[in-house]
Amino acid sequence: AVLVARIRAVLRRFGHAGGGRAEE
């Protein structure tokens, strides 16, 4: 769960949201 949380946090910074769009 921690690994997934860290992955999603990085993806949000890079414009991904694990299948959706993230904020700029």
PDBML (XML) file of the C-alpha atoms, coordinates in Angstrom:
<?xml version="1.0" encoding="UTF-8" ?>
<PDBx:datablock datablockName="MODEL"
   xmlns:PDBx="http://pdbml.pdb.org/schema/pdbx-v50.xsd"
   xmlns:xsi="http://www.w3.org/2001/XMLSchema-instance"
   xsi:schemaLocation="http://pdbml.pdb.org/schema/pdbx-v50.xsd pdbx-v50.xsd">
   <PDBx:atom_siteCategory>
      <PDBx:atom_site id="1">
         <PDBx:B_iso_or_equiv>0.00</PDBx:B_iso_or_equiv>
         <PDBx:Cartn_x>0.000</PDBx:Cartn_x>
         <PDBx:Cartn_y>0.000</PDBx:Cartn_y>
         <PDBx:Cartn_z>0.000</PDBx:Cartn_z>
         <PDBx:auth_asym_id>A</PDBx:auth_asym_id>
         <PDBx:auth_atom_id>CA</PDBx:auth_atom_id>
         <PDBx:auth_comp_id>ALA</PDBx:auth_comp_id>
         <PDBx:auth_seq_id>1</PDBx:auth_seq_id>
         <PDBx:group_PDB>ATOM</PDBx:group_PDB>
         <PDBx:label_alt_id xsi:nil="true" />
         <PDBx:label_asym_id>A</PDBx:label_asym_id>
         <PDBx:label_atom_id>CA</PDBx:label_atom_id>
         <PDBx:label_comp_id>ALA</PDBx:label_comp_id>
         <PDBx:label_entity_id>1</PDBx:label_entity_id>
         <PDBx:label_seq_id>1</PDBx:label_seq_id>
         <PDBx:occupancy>1.00</PDBx:occupancy>
         <PDBx:pdbx_PDB_model_num>1</PDBx:pdbx_PDB_model_num>
         <PDBx:type_symbol>C</PDBx:type_symbol>
      </PDBx:atom_site>
      <PDBx:atom_site id="2">
         <PDBx:B_iso_or_equiv>0.00</PDBx:B_iso_or_equiv>
         <PDBx:Cartn_x>2.901</PDBx:Cartn_x>
         <PDBx:Cartn_y>2.352</PDBx:Cartn_y>
         <PDBx:Cartn_z>0.758</PDBx:Cartn_z>
         <PDBx:auth_asym_id>A</PDBx:auth_asym_id>
         <PDBx:auth_atom_id>CA</PDBx:auth_atom_id>
         <PDBx:auth_comp_id>VAL</PDBx:auth_comp_id>
         <PDBx:auth_seq_id>2</PDBx:auth_seq_id>
         <PDBx:group_PDB>ATOM</PDBx:group_PDB>
         <PDBx:label_alt_id xsi:nil="true" />
         <PDBx:label_asym_id>A</PDBx:label_asym_id>
         <PDBx:label_atom_id>CA</PDBx:label_atom_id>
         <PDBx:label_comp_id>VAL</PDBx:label_comp_id>
         <PDBx:label_entity_id>1</PDBx:label_entity_id>
         <PDBx:label_seq_id>2</PDBx:label_seq_id>
         <PDBx:occupancy>1.00</PDBx:occupancy>
         <PDBx:pdbx_PDB_model_num>1</PDBx:pdbx_PDB_model_num>
         <PDBx:type_symbol>C</PDBx:type_symbol>
      </PDBx:atom_site>
      <PDBx:atom_site id="3">
         <PDBx:B_iso_or_equiv>0.00</PDBx:B_iso_or_equiv>
         <PDBx:Cartn_x>4.527</PDBx:Cartn_x>
         <PDBx:Cartn_y>1.607</PDBx:Cartn_y>
         <PDBx:Cartn_z>-2.600</PDBx:Cartn_z>
         <PDBx:auth_asym_id>A</PDBx:auth_asym_id>
         <PDBx:auth_atom_id>CA</PDBx:auth_atom_id>
         <PDBx:auth_comp_id>LEU</PDBx:auth_comp_id>
         <PDBx:auth_seq_id>3</PDBx:auth_seq_id>
         <PDBx:group_PDB>ATOM</PDBx:group_PDB>
         <PDBx:label_alt_id xsi:nil="true" />
         <PDBx:label_asym_id>A</PDBx:label_asym_id>
         <PDBx:label_atom_id>CA</PDBx:label_atom_id>
         <PDBx:label_comp_id>LEU</PDBx:label_comp_id>
         <PDBx:label_entity_id>1</PDBx:label_entity_id>
         <PDBx:label_seq_id>3</PDBx:label_seq_id>
         <PDBx:occupancy>1.00</PDBx:occupancy>
         <PDBx:pdbx_PDB_model_num>1</PDBx:pdbx_PDB_model_num>
         <PDBx:type_symbol>C</PDBx:type_symbol>
      </PDBx:atom_site>
      <PDBx:atom_site id="4">
         <PDBx:B_iso_or_equiv>0.00</PDBx:B_iso_or_equiv>
         <PDBx:Cartn_x>1.266</PDBx:Cartn_x>
         <PDBx:Cartn_y>2.282</PDBx:Cartn_y>
         <PDBx:Cartn_z>-4.447</PDBx:Cartn_z>
         <PDBx:auth_asym_id>A</PDBx:auth_asym_id>
         <PDBx:auth_atom_id>CA</PDBx:auth_atom_id>
         <PDBx:auth_comp_id>VAL</PDBx:auth_comp_id>
         <PDBx:auth_seq_id>4</PDBx:auth_seq_id>
         <PDBx:group_PDB>ATOM</PDBx:group_PDB>
         <PDBx:label_alt_id xsi:nil="true" />
         <PDBx:label_asym_id>A</PDBx:label_asym_id>
         <PDBx:label_atom_id>CA</PDBx:label_atom_id>
         <PDBx:label_comp_id>VAL</PDBx:label_comp_id>
         <PDBx:label_entity_id>1</PDBx:label_entity_id>
         <PDBx:label_seq_id>4</PDBx:label_seq_id>
         <PDBx:occupancy>1.00</PDBx:occupancy>
         <PDBx:pdbx_PDB_model_num>1</PDBx:pdbx_PDB_model_num>
         <PDBx:type_symbol>C</PDBx:type_symbol>
      </PDBx:atom_site>
      <PDBx:atom_site id="5">
         <PDBx:B_iso_or_equiv>0.00</PDBx:B_iso_or_equiv>
         <PDBx:Cartn_x>0.802</PDBx:Cartn_x>
         <PDBx:Cartn_y>5.545</PDBx:Cartn_y>
         <PDBx:Cartn_z>-2.532</PDBx:Cartn_z>
         <PDBx:auth_asym_id>A</PDBx:auth_asym_id>
         <PDBx:auth_atom_id>CA</PDBx:auth_atom_id>
         <PDBx:auth_comp_id>ALA</PDBx:auth_comp_id>
         <PDBx:auth_seq_id>5</PDBx:auth_seq_id>
         <PDBx:group_PDB>ATOM</PDBx:group_PDB>
         <PDBx:label_alt_id xsi:nil="true" />
         <PDBx:label_asym_id>A</PDBx:label_asym_id>
         <PDBx:label_atom_id>CA</PDBx:label_atom_id>
         <PDBx:label_comp_id>ALA</PDBx:label_comp_id>
         <PDBx:label_entity_id>1</PDBx:label_entity_id>
         <PDBx:label_seq_id>5</PDBx:label_seq_id>
         <PDBx:occupancy>1.00</PDBx:occupancy>
         <PDBx:pdbx_PDB_model_num>1</PDBx:pdbx_PDB_model_num>
         <PDBx:type_symbol>C</PDBx:type_symbol>
      </PDBx:atom_site>
      <PDBx:atom_site id="6">
         <PDBx:B_iso_or_equiv>0.00</PDBx:B_iso_or_equiv>
         <PDBx:Cartn_x>4.305</PDBx:Cartn_x>
         <PDBx:Cartn_y>6.680</PDBx:Cartn_y>
         <PDBx:Cartn_z>-3.465</PDBx:Cartn_z>
         <PDBx:auth_asym_id>A</PDBx:auth_asym_id>
         <PDBx:auth_atom_id>CA</PDBx:auth_atom_id>
         <PDBx:auth_comp_id>ARG</PDBx:auth_comp_id>
         <PDBx:auth_seq_id>6</PDBx:auth_seq_id>
         <PDBx:group_PDB>ATOM</PDBx:group_PDB>
         <PDBx:label_alt_id xsi:nil="true" />
         <PDBx:label_asym_id>A</PDBx:label_asym_id>
         <PDBx:label_atom_id>CA</PDBx:label_atom_id>
         <PDBx:label_comp_id>ARG</PDBx:label_comp_id>
         <PDBx:label_entity_id>1</PDBx:label_entity_id>
         <PDBx:label_seq_id>6</PDBx:label_seq_id>
         <PDBx:occupancy>1.00</PDBx:occupancy>
         <PDBx:pdbx_PDB_model_num>1</PDBx:pdbx_PDB_model_num>
         <PDBx:type_symbol>C</PDBx:type_symbol>
      </PDBx:atom_site>
      <PDBx:atom_site id="7">
         <PDBx:B_iso_or_equiv>0.00</PDBx:B_iso_or_equiv>
         <PDBx:Cartn_x>3.765</PDBx:Cartn_x>
         <PDBx:Cartn_y>5.727</PDBx:Cartn_y>
         <PDBx:Cartn_z>-7.110</PDBx:Cartn_z>
         <PDBx:auth_asym_id>A</PDBx:auth_asym_id>
         <PDBx:auth_atom_id>CA</PDBx:auth_atom_id>
         <PDBx:auth_comp_id>ILE</PDBx:auth_comp_id>
         <PDBx:auth_seq_id>7</PDBx:auth_seq_id>
         <PDBx:group_PDB>ATOM</PDBx:group_PDB>
         <PDBx:label_alt_id xsi:nil="true" />
         <PDBx:label_asym_id>A</PDBx:label_asym_id>
         <PDBx:label_atom_id>CA</PDBx:label_atom_id>
         <PDBx:label_comp_id>ILE</PDBx:label_comp_id>
         <PDBx:label_entity_id>1</PDBx:label_entity_id>
         <PDBx:label_seq_id>7</PDBx:label_seq_id>
         <PDBx:occupancy>1.00</PDBx:occupancy>
         <PDBx:pdbx_PDB_model_num>1</PDBx:pdbx_PDB_model_num>
         <PDBx:type_symbol>C</PDBx:type_symbol>
      </PDBx:atom_site>
      <PDBx:atom_site id="8">
         <PDBx:B_iso_or_equiv>0.00</PDBx:B_iso_or_equiv>
         <PDBx:Cartn_x>0.510</PDBx:Cartn_x>
         <PDBx:Cartn_y>7.672</PDBx:Cartn_y>
         <PDBx:Cartn_z>-7.262</PDBx:Cartn_z>
         <PDBx:auth_asym_id>A</PDBx:auth_asym_id>
         <PDBx:auth_atom_id>CA</PDBx:auth_atom_id>
         <PDBx:auth_comp_id>ARG</PDBx:auth_comp_id>
         <PDBx:auth_seq_id>8</PDBx:auth_seq_id>
         <PDBx:group_PDB>ATOM</PDBx:group_PDB>
         <PDBx:label_alt_id xsi:nil="true" />
         <PDBx:label_asym_id>A</PDBx:label_asym_id>
         <PDBx:label_atom_id>CA</PDBx:label_atom_id>
         <PDBx:label_comp_id>ARG</PDBx:label_comp_id>
         <PDBx:label_entity_id>1</PDBx:label_entity_id>
         <PDBx:label_seq_id>8</PDBx:label_seq_id>
         <PDBx:occupancy>1.00</PDBx:occupancy>
         <PDBx:pdbx_PDB_model_num>1</PDBx:pdbx_PDB_model_num>
         <PDBx:type_symbol>C</PDBx:type_symbol>
      </PDBx:atom_site>
      <PDBx:atom_site id="9">
         <PDBx:B_iso_or_equiv>0.00</PDBx:B_iso_or_equiv>
         <PDBx:Cartn_x>2.107</PDBx:Cartn_x>
         <PDBx:Cartn_y>10.686</PDBx:Cartn_y>
         <PDBx:Cartn_z>-5.576</PDBx:Cartn_z>
         <PDBx:auth_asym_id>A</PDBx:auth_asym_id>
         <PDBx:auth_atom_id>CA</PDBx:auth_atom_id>
         <PDBx:auth_comp_id>ALA</PDBx:auth_comp_id>
         <PDBx:auth_seq_id>9</PDBx:auth_seq_id>
         <PDBx:group_PDB>ATOM</PDBx:group_PDB>
         <PDBx:label_alt_id xsi:nil="true" />
         <PDBx:label_asym_id>A</PDBx:label_asym_id>
         <PDBx:label_atom_id>CA</PDBx:label_atom_id>
         <PDBx:label_comp_id>ALA</PDBx:label_comp_id>
         <PDBx:label_entity_id>1</PDBx:label_entity_id>
         <PDBx:label_seq_id>9</PDBx:label_seq_id>
         <PDBx:occupancy>1.00</PDBx:occupancy>
         <PDBx:pdbx_PDB_model_num>1</PDBx:pdbx_PDB_model_num>
         <PDBx:type_symbol>C</PDBx:type_symbol>
      </PDBx:atom_site>
      <PDBx:atom_site id="10">
         <PDBx:B_iso_or_equiv>0.00</PDBx:B_iso_or_equiv>
         <PDBx:Cartn_x>4.877</PDBx:Cartn_x>
         <PDBx:Cartn_y>10.750</PDBx:Cartn_y>
         <PDBx:Cartn_z>-8.192</PDBx:Cartn_z>
         <PDBx:auth_asym_id>A</PDBx:auth_asym_id>
         <PDBx:auth_atom_id>CA</PDBx:auth_atom_id>
         <PDBx:auth_comp_id>VAL</PDBx:auth_comp_id>
         <PDBx:auth_seq_id>10</PDBx:auth_seq_id>
         <PDBx:group_PDB>ATOM</PDBx:group_PDB>
         <PDBx:label_alt_id xsi:nil="true" />
         <PDBx:label_asym_id>A</PDBx:label_asym_id>
         <PDBx:label_atom_id>CA</PDBx:label_atom_id>
         <PDBx:label_comp_id>VAL</PDBx:label_comp_id>
         <PDBx:label_entity_id>1</PDBx:label_entity_id>
         <PDBx:label_seq_id>10</PDBx:label_seq_id>
         <PDBx:occupancy>1.00</PDBx:occupancy>
         <PDBx:pdbx_PDB_model_num>1</PDBx:pdbx_PDB_model_num>
         <PDBx:type_symbol>C</PDBx:type_symbol>
      </PDBx:atom_site>
      <PDBx:atom_site id="11">
         <PDBx:B_iso_or_equiv>0.00</PDBx:B_iso_or_equiv>
         <PDBx:Cartn_x>2.397</PDBx:Cartn_x>
         <PDBx:Cartn_y>10.266</PDBx:Cartn_y>
         <PDBx:Cartn_z>-11.031</PDBx:Cartn_z>
         <PDBx:auth_asym_id>A</PDBx:auth_asym_id>
         <PDBx:auth_atom_id>CA</PDBx:auth_atom_id>
         <PDBx:auth_comp_id>LEU</PDBx:auth_comp_id>
         <PDBx:auth_seq_id>11</PDBx:auth_seq_id>
         <PDBx:group_PDB>ATOM</PDBx:group_PDB>
         <PDBx:label_alt_id xsi:nil="true" />
         <PDBx:label_asym_id>A</PDBx:label_asym_id>
         <PDBx:label_atom_id>CA</PDBx:label_atom_id>
         <PDBx:label_comp_id>LEU</PDBx:label_comp_id>
         <PDBx:label_entity_id>1</PDBx:label_entity_id>
         <PDBx:label_seq_id>11</PDBx:label_seq_id>
         <PDBx:occupancy>1.00</PDBx:occupancy>
         <PDBx:pdbx_PDB_model_num>1</PDBx:pdbx_PDB_model_num>
         <PDBx:type_symbol>C</PDBx:type_symbol>
      </PDBx:atom_site>
      <PDBx:atom_site id="12">
         <PDBx:B_iso_or_equiv>0.00</PDBx:B_iso_or_equiv>
         <PDBx:Cartn_x>0.295</PDBx:Cartn_x>
         <PDBx:Cartn_y>13.208</PDBx:Cartn_y>
         <PDBx:Cartn_z>-9.837</PDBx:Cartn_z>
         <PDBx:auth_asym_id>A</PDBx:auth_asym_id>
         <PDBx:auth_atom_id>CA</PDBx:auth_atom_id>
         <PDBx:auth_comp_id>ARG</PDBx:auth_comp_id>
         <PDBx:auth_seq_id>12</PDBx:auth_seq_id>
         <PDBx:group_PDB>ATOM</PDBx:group_PDB>
         <PDBx:label_alt_id xsi:nil="true" />
         <PDBx:label_asym_id>A</PDBx:label_asym_id>
         <PDBx:label_atom_id>CA</PDBx:label_atom_id>
         <PDBx:label_comp_id>ARG</PDBx:label_comp_id>
         <PDBx:label_entity_id>1</PDBx:label_entity_id>
         <PDBx:label_seq_id>12</PDBx:label_seq_id>
         <PDBx:occupancy>1.00</PDBx:occupancy>
         <PDBx:pdbx_PDB_model_num>1</PDBx:pdbx_PDB_model_num>
         <PDBx:type_symbol>C</PDBx:type_symbol>
      </PDBx:atom_site>
      <PDBx:atom_site id="13">
         <PDBx:B_iso_or_equiv>0.00</PDBx:B_iso_or_equiv>
         <PDBx:Cartn_x>3.359</PDBx:Cartn_x>
         <PDBx:Cartn_y>15.422</PDBx:Cartn_y>
         <PDBx:Cartn_z>-10.072</PDBx:Cartn_z>
         <PDBx:auth_asym_id>A</PDBx:auth_asym_id>
         <PDBx:auth_atom_id>CA</PDBx:auth_atom_id>
         <PDBx:auth_comp_id>ARG</PDBx:auth_comp_id>
         <PDBx:auth_seq_id>13</PDBx:auth_seq_id>
         <PDBx:group_PDB>ATOM</PDBx:group_PDB>
         <PDBx:label_alt_id xsi:nil="true" />
         <PDBx:label_asym_id>A</PDBx:label_asym_id>
         <PDBx:label_atom_id>CA</PDBx:label_atom_id>
         <PDBx:label_comp_id>ARG</PDBx:label_comp_id>
         <PDBx:label_entity_id>1</PDBx:label_entity_id>
         <PDBx:label_seq_id>13</PDBx:label_seq_id>
         <PDBx:occupancy>1.00</PDBx:occupancy>
         <PDBx:pdbx_PDB_model_num>1</PDBx:pdbx_PDB_model_num>
         <PDBx:type_symbol>C</PDBx:type_symbol>
      </PDBx:atom_site>
      <PDBx:atom_site id="14">
         <PDBx:B_iso_or_equiv>0.00</PDBx:B_iso_or_equiv>
         <PDBx:Cartn_x>3.997</PDBx:Cartn_x>
         <PDBx:Cartn_y>14.229</PDBx:Cartn_y>
         <PDBx:Cartn_z>-13.610</PDBx:Cartn_z>
         <PDBx:auth_asym_id>A</PDBx:auth_asym_id>
         <PDBx:auth_atom_id>CA</PDBx:auth_atom_id>
         <PDBx:auth_comp_id>PHE</PDBx:auth_comp_id>
         <PDBx:auth_seq_id>14</PDBx:auth_seq_id>
         <PDBx:group_PDB>ATOM</PDBx:group_PDB>
         <PDBx:label_alt_id xsi:nil="true" />
         <PDBx:label_asym_id>A</PDBx:label_asym_id>
         <PDBx:label_atom_id>CA</PDBx:label_atom_id>
         <PDBx:label_comp_id>PHE</PDBx:label_comp_id>
         <PDBx:label_entity_id>1</PDBx:label_entity_id>
         <PDBx:label_seq_id>14</PDBx:label_seq_id>
         <PDBx:occupancy>1.00</PDBx:occupancy>
         <PDBx:pdbx_PDB_model_num>1</PDBx:pdbx_PDB_model_num>
         <PDBx:type_symbol>C</PDBx:type_symbol>
      </PDBx:atom_site>
      <PDBx:atom_site id="15">
         <PDBx:B_iso_or_equiv>0.00</PDBx:B_iso_or_equiv>
         <PDBx:Cartn_x>0.485</PDBx:Cartn_x>
         <PDBx:Cartn_y>14.677</PDBx:Cartn_y>
         <PDBx:Cartn_z>-14.962</PDBx:Cartn_z>
         <PDBx:auth_asym_id>A</PDBx:auth_asym_id>
         <PDBx:auth_atom_id>CA</PDBx:auth_atom_id>
         <PDBx:auth_comp_id>GLY</PDBx:auth_comp_id>
         <PDBx:auth_seq_id>15</PDBx:auth_seq_id>
         <PDBx:group_PDB>ATOM</PDBx:group_PDB>
         <PDBx:label_alt_id xsi:nil="true" />
         <PDBx:label_asym_id>A</PDBx:label_asym_id>
         <PDBx:label_atom_id>CA</PDBx:label_atom_id>
         <PDBx:label_comp_id>GLY</PDBx:label_comp_id>
         <PDBx:label_entity_id>1</PDBx:label_entity_id>
         <PDBx:label_seq_id>15</PDBx:label_seq_id>
         <PDBx:occupancy>1.00</PDBx:occupancy>
         <PDBx:pdbx_PDB_model_num>1</PDBx:pdbx_PDB_model_num>
         <PDBx:type_symbol>C</PDBx:type_symbol>
      </PDBx:atom_site>
      <PDBx:atom_site id="16">
         <PDBx:B_iso_or_equiv>0.00</PDBx:B_iso_or_equiv>
         <PDBx:Cartn_x>-0.788</PDBx:Cartn_x>
         <PDBx:Cartn_y>11.123</PDBx:Cartn_y>
         <PDBx:Cartn_z>-14.502</PDBx:Cartn_z>
         <PDBx:auth_asym_id>A</PDBx:auth_asym_id>
         <PDBx:auth_atom_id>CA</PDBx:auth_atom_id>
         <PDBx:auth_comp_id>HIS</PDBx:auth_comp_id>
         <PDBx:auth_seq_id>16</PDBx:auth_seq_id>
         <PDBx:group_PDB>ATOM</PDBx:group_PDB>
         <PDBx:label_alt_id xsi:nil="true" />
         <PDBx:label_asym_id>A</PDBx:label_asym_id>
         <PDBx:label_atom_id>CA</PDBx:label_atom_id>
         <PDBx:label_comp_id>HIS</PDBx:label_comp_id>
         <PDBx:label_entity_id>1</PDBx:label_entity_id>
         <PDBx:label_seq_id>16</PDBx:label_seq_id>
         <PDBx:occupancy>1.00</PDBx:occupancy>
         <PDBx:pdbx_PDB_model_num>1</PDBx:pdbx_PDB_model_num>
         <PDBx:type_symbol>C</PDBx:type_symbol>
      </PDBx:atom_site>
      <PDBx:atom_site id="17">
         <PDBx:B_iso_or_equiv>0.00</PDBx:B_iso_or_equiv>
         <PDBx:Cartn_x>-3.336</PDBx:Cartn_x>
         <PDBx:Cartn_y>9.890</PDBx:Cartn_y>
         <PDBx:Cartn_z>-11.995</PDBx:Cartn_z>
         <PDBx:auth_asym_id>A</PDBx:auth_asym_id>
         <PDBx:auth_atom_id>CA</PDBx:auth_atom_id>
         <PDBx:auth_comp_id>ALA</PDBx:auth_comp_id>
         <PDBx:auth_seq_id>17</PDBx:auth_seq_id>
         <PDBx:group_PDB>ATOM</PDBx:group_PDB>
         <PDBx:label_alt_id xsi:nil="true" />
         <PDBx:label_asym_id>A</PDBx:label_asym_id>
         <PDBx:label_atom_id>CA</PDBx:label_atom_id>
         <PDBx:label_comp_id>ALA</PDBx:label_comp_id>
         <PDBx:label_entity_id>1</PDBx:label_entity_id>
         <PDBx:label_seq_id>17</PDBx:label_seq_id>
         <PDBx:occupancy>1.00</PDBx:occupancy>
         <PDBx:pdbx_PDB_model_num>1</PDBx:pdbx_PDB_model_num>
         <PDBx:type_symbol>C</PDBx:type_symbol>
      </PDBx:atom_site>
      <PDBx:atom_site id="18">
         <PDBx:B_iso_or_equiv>0.00</PDBx:B_iso_or_equiv>
         <PDBx:Cartn_x>-3.215</PDBx:Cartn_x>
         <PDBx:Cartn_y>6.141</PDBx:Cartn_y>
         <PDBx:Cartn_z>-12.417</PDBx:Cartn_z>
         <PDBx:auth_asym_id>A</PDBx:auth_asym_id>
         <PDBx:auth_atom_id>CA</PDBx:auth_atom_id>
         <PDBx:auth_comp_id>GLY</PDBx:auth_comp_id>
         <PDBx:auth_seq_id>18</PDBx:auth_seq_id>
         <PDBx:group_PDB>ATOM</PDBx:group_PDB>
         <PDBx:label_alt_id xsi:nil="true" />
         <PDBx:label_asym_id>A</PDBx:label_asym_id>
         <PDBx:label_atom_id>CA</PDBx:label_atom_id>
         <PDBx:label_comp_id>GLY</PDBx:label_comp_id>
         <PDBx:label_entity_id>1</PDBx:label_entity_id>
         <PDBx:label_seq_id>18</PDBx:label_seq_id>
         <PDBx:occupancy>1.00</PDBx:occupancy>
         <PDBx:pdbx_PDB_model_num>1</PDBx:pdbx_PDB_model_num>
         <PDBx:type_symbol>C</PDBx:type_symbol>
      </PDBx:atom_site>
      <PDBx:atom_site id="19">
         <PDBx:B_iso_or_equiv>0.00</PDBx:B_iso_or_equiv>
         <PDBx:Cartn_x>-5.671</PDBx:Cartn_x>
         <PDBx:Cartn_y>6.106</PDBx:Cartn_y>
         <PDBx:Cartn_z>-15.290</PDBx:Cartn_z>
         <PDBx:auth_asym_id>A</PDBx:auth_asym_id>
         <PDBx:auth_atom_id>CA</PDBx:auth_atom_id>
         <PDBx:auth_comp_id>GLY</PDBx:auth_comp_id>
         <PDBx:auth_seq_id>19</PDBx:auth_seq_id>
         <PDBx:group_PDB>ATOM</PDBx:group_PDB>
         <PDBx:label_alt_id xsi:nil="true" />
         <PDBx:label_asym_id>A</PDBx:label_asym_id>
         <PDBx:label_atom_id>CA</PDBx:label_atom_id>
         <PDBx:label_comp_id>GLY</PDBx:label_comp_id>
         <PDBx:label_entity_id>1</PDBx:label_entity_id>
         <PDBx:label_seq_id>19</PDBx:label_seq_id>
         <PDBx:occupancy>1.00</PDBx:occupancy>
         <PDBx:pdbx_PDB_model_num>1</PDBx:pdbx_PDB_model_num>
         <PDBx:type_symbol>C</PDBx:type_symbol>
      </PDBx:atom_site>
      <PDBx:atom_site id="20">
         <PDBx:B_iso_or_equiv>0.00</PDBx:B_iso_or_equiv>
         <PDBx:Cartn_x>-6.931</PDBx:Cartn_x>
         <PDBx:Cartn_y>9.679</PDBx:Cartn_y>
         <PDBx:Cartn_z>-15.227</PDBx:Cartn_z>
         <PDBx:auth_asym_id>A</PDBx:auth_asym_id>
         <PDBx:auth_atom_id>CA</PDBx:auth_atom_id>
         <PDBx:auth_comp_id>GLY</PDBx:auth_comp_id>
         <PDBx:auth_seq_id>20</PDBx:auth_seq_id>
         <PDBx:group_PDB>ATOM</PDBx:group_PDB>
         <PDBx:label_alt_id xsi:nil="true" />
         <PDBx:label_asym_id>A</PDBx:label_asym_id>
         <PDBx:label_atom_id>CA</PDBx:label_atom_id>
         <PDBx:label_comp_id>GLY</PDBx:label_comp_id>
         <PDBx:label_entity_id>1</PDBx:label_entity_id>
         <PDBx:label_seq_id>20</PDBx:label_seq_id>
         <PDBx:occupancy>1.00</PDBx:occupancy>
         <PDBx:pdbx_PDB_model_num>1</PDBx:pdbx_PDB_model_num>
         <PDBx:type_symbol>C</PDBx:type_symbol>
      </PDBx:atom_site>
      <PDBx:atom_site id="21">
         <PDBx:B_iso_or_equiv>0.00</PDBx:B_iso_or_equiv>
         <PDBx:Cartn_x>-5.620</PDBx:Cartn_x>
         <PDBx:Cartn_y>13.167</PDBx:Cartn_y>
         <PDBx:Cartn_z>-15.700</PDBx:Cartn_z>
         <PDBx:auth_asym_id>A</PDBx:auth_asym_id>
         <PDBx:auth_atom_id>CA</PDBx:auth_atom_id>
         <PDBx:auth_comp_id>ARG</PDBx:auth_comp_id>
         <PDBx:auth_seq_id>21</PDBx:auth_seq_id>
         <PDBx:group_PDB>ATOM</PDBx:group_PDB>
         <PDBx:label_alt_id xsi:nil="true" />
         <PDBx:label_asym_id>A</PDBx:label_asym_id>
         <PDBx:label_atom_id>CA</PDBx:label_atom_id>
         <PDBx:label_comp_id>ARG</PDBx:label_comp_id>
         <PDBx:label_entity_id>1</PDBx:label_entity_id>
         <PDBx:label_seq_id>21</PDBx:label_seq_id>
         <PDBx:occupancy>1.00</PDBx:occupancy>
         <PDBx:pdbx_PDB_model_num>1</PDBx:pdbx_PDB_model_num>
         <PDBx:type_symbol>C</PDBx:type_symbol>
      </PDBx:atom_site>
      <PDBx:atom_site id="22">
         <PDBx:B_iso_or_equiv>0.00</PDBx:B_iso_or_equiv>
         <PDBx:Cartn_x>-3.890</PDBx:Cartn_x>
         <PDBx:Cartn_y>15.066</PDBx:Cartn_y>
         <PDBx:Cartn_z>-12.922</PDBx:Cartn_z>
         <PDBx:auth_asym_id>A</PDBx:auth_asym_id>
         <PDBx:auth_atom_id>CA</PDBx:auth_atom_id>
         <PDBx:auth_comp_id>ALA</PDBx:auth_comp_id>
         <PDBx:auth_seq_id>22</PDBx:auth_seq_id>
         <PDBx:group_PDB>ATOM</PDBx:group_PDB>
         <PDBx:label_alt_id xsi:nil="true" />
         <PDBx:label_asym_id>A</PDBx:label_asym_id>
         <PDBx:label_atom_id>CA</PDBx:label_atom_id>
         <PDBx:label_comp_id>ALA</PDBx:label_comp_id>
         <PDBx:label_entity_id>1</PDBx:label_entity_id>
         <PDBx:label_seq_id>22</PDBx:label_seq_id>
         <PDBx:occupancy>1.00</PDBx:occupancy>
         <PDBx:pdbx_PDB_model_num>1</PDBx:pdbx_PDB_model_num>
         <PDBx:type_symbol>C</PDBx:type_symbol>
      </PDBx:atom_site>
      <PDBx:atom_site id="23">
         <PDBx:B_iso_or_equiv>0.00</PDBx:B_iso_or_equiv>
         <PDBx:Cartn_x>-3.574</PDBx:Cartn_x>
         <PDBx:Cartn_y>18.729</PDBx:Cartn_y>
         <PDBx:Cartn_z>-12.218</PDBx:Cartn_z>
         <PDBx:auth_asym_id>A</PDBx:auth_asym_id>
         <PDBx:auth_atom_id>CA</PDBx:auth_atom_id>
         <PDBx:auth_comp_id>GLU</PDBx:auth_comp_id>
         <PDBx:auth_seq_id>23</PDBx:auth_seq_id>
         <PDBx:group_PDB>ATOM</PDBx:group_PDB>
         <PDBx:label_alt_id xsi:nil="true" />
         <PDBx:label_asym_id>A</PDBx:label_asym_id>
         <PDBx:label_atom_id>CA</PDBx:label_atom_id>
         <PDBx:label_comp_id>GLU</PDBx:label_comp_id>
         <PDBx:label_entity_id>1</PDBx:label_entity_id>
         <PDBx:label_seq_id>23</PDBx:label_seq_id>
         <PDBx:occupancy>1.00</PDBx:occupancy>
         <PDBx:pdbx_PDB_model_num>1</PDBx:pdbx_PDB_model_num>
         <PDBx:type_symbol>C</PDBx:type_symbol>
      </PDBx:atom_site>
      <PDBx:atom_site id="24">
         <PDBx:B_iso_or_equiv>0.00</PDBx:B_iso_or_equiv>
         <PDBx:Cartn_x>-0.856</PDBx:Cartn_x>
         <PDBx:Cartn_y>20.811</PDBx:Cartn_y>
         <PDBx:Cartn_z>-13.847</PDBx:Cartn_z>
         <PDBx:auth_asym_id>A</PDBx:auth_asym_id>
         <PDBx:auth_atom_id>CA</PDBx:auth_atom_id>
         <PDBx:auth_comp_id>GLU</PDBx:auth_comp_id>
         <PDBx:auth_seq_id>24</PDBx:auth_seq_id>
         <PDBx:group_PDB>ATOM</PDBx:group_PDB>
         <PDBx:label_alt_id xsi:nil="true" />
         <PDBx:label_asym_id>A</PDBx:label_asym_id>
         <PDBx:label_atom_id>CA</PDBx:label_atom_id>
         <PDBx:label_comp_id>GLU</PDBx:label_comp_id>
         <PDBx:label_entity_id>1</PDBx:label_entity_id>
         <PDBx:label_seq_id>24</PDBx:label_seq_id>
         <PDBx:occupancy>1.00</PDBx:occupancy>
         <PDBx:pdbx_PDB_model_num>1</PDBx:pdbx_PDB_model_num>
         <PDBx:type_symbol>C</PDBx:type_symbol>
      </PDBx:atom_site>
   </PDBx:atom_siteCategory>
</PDBx:datablock>
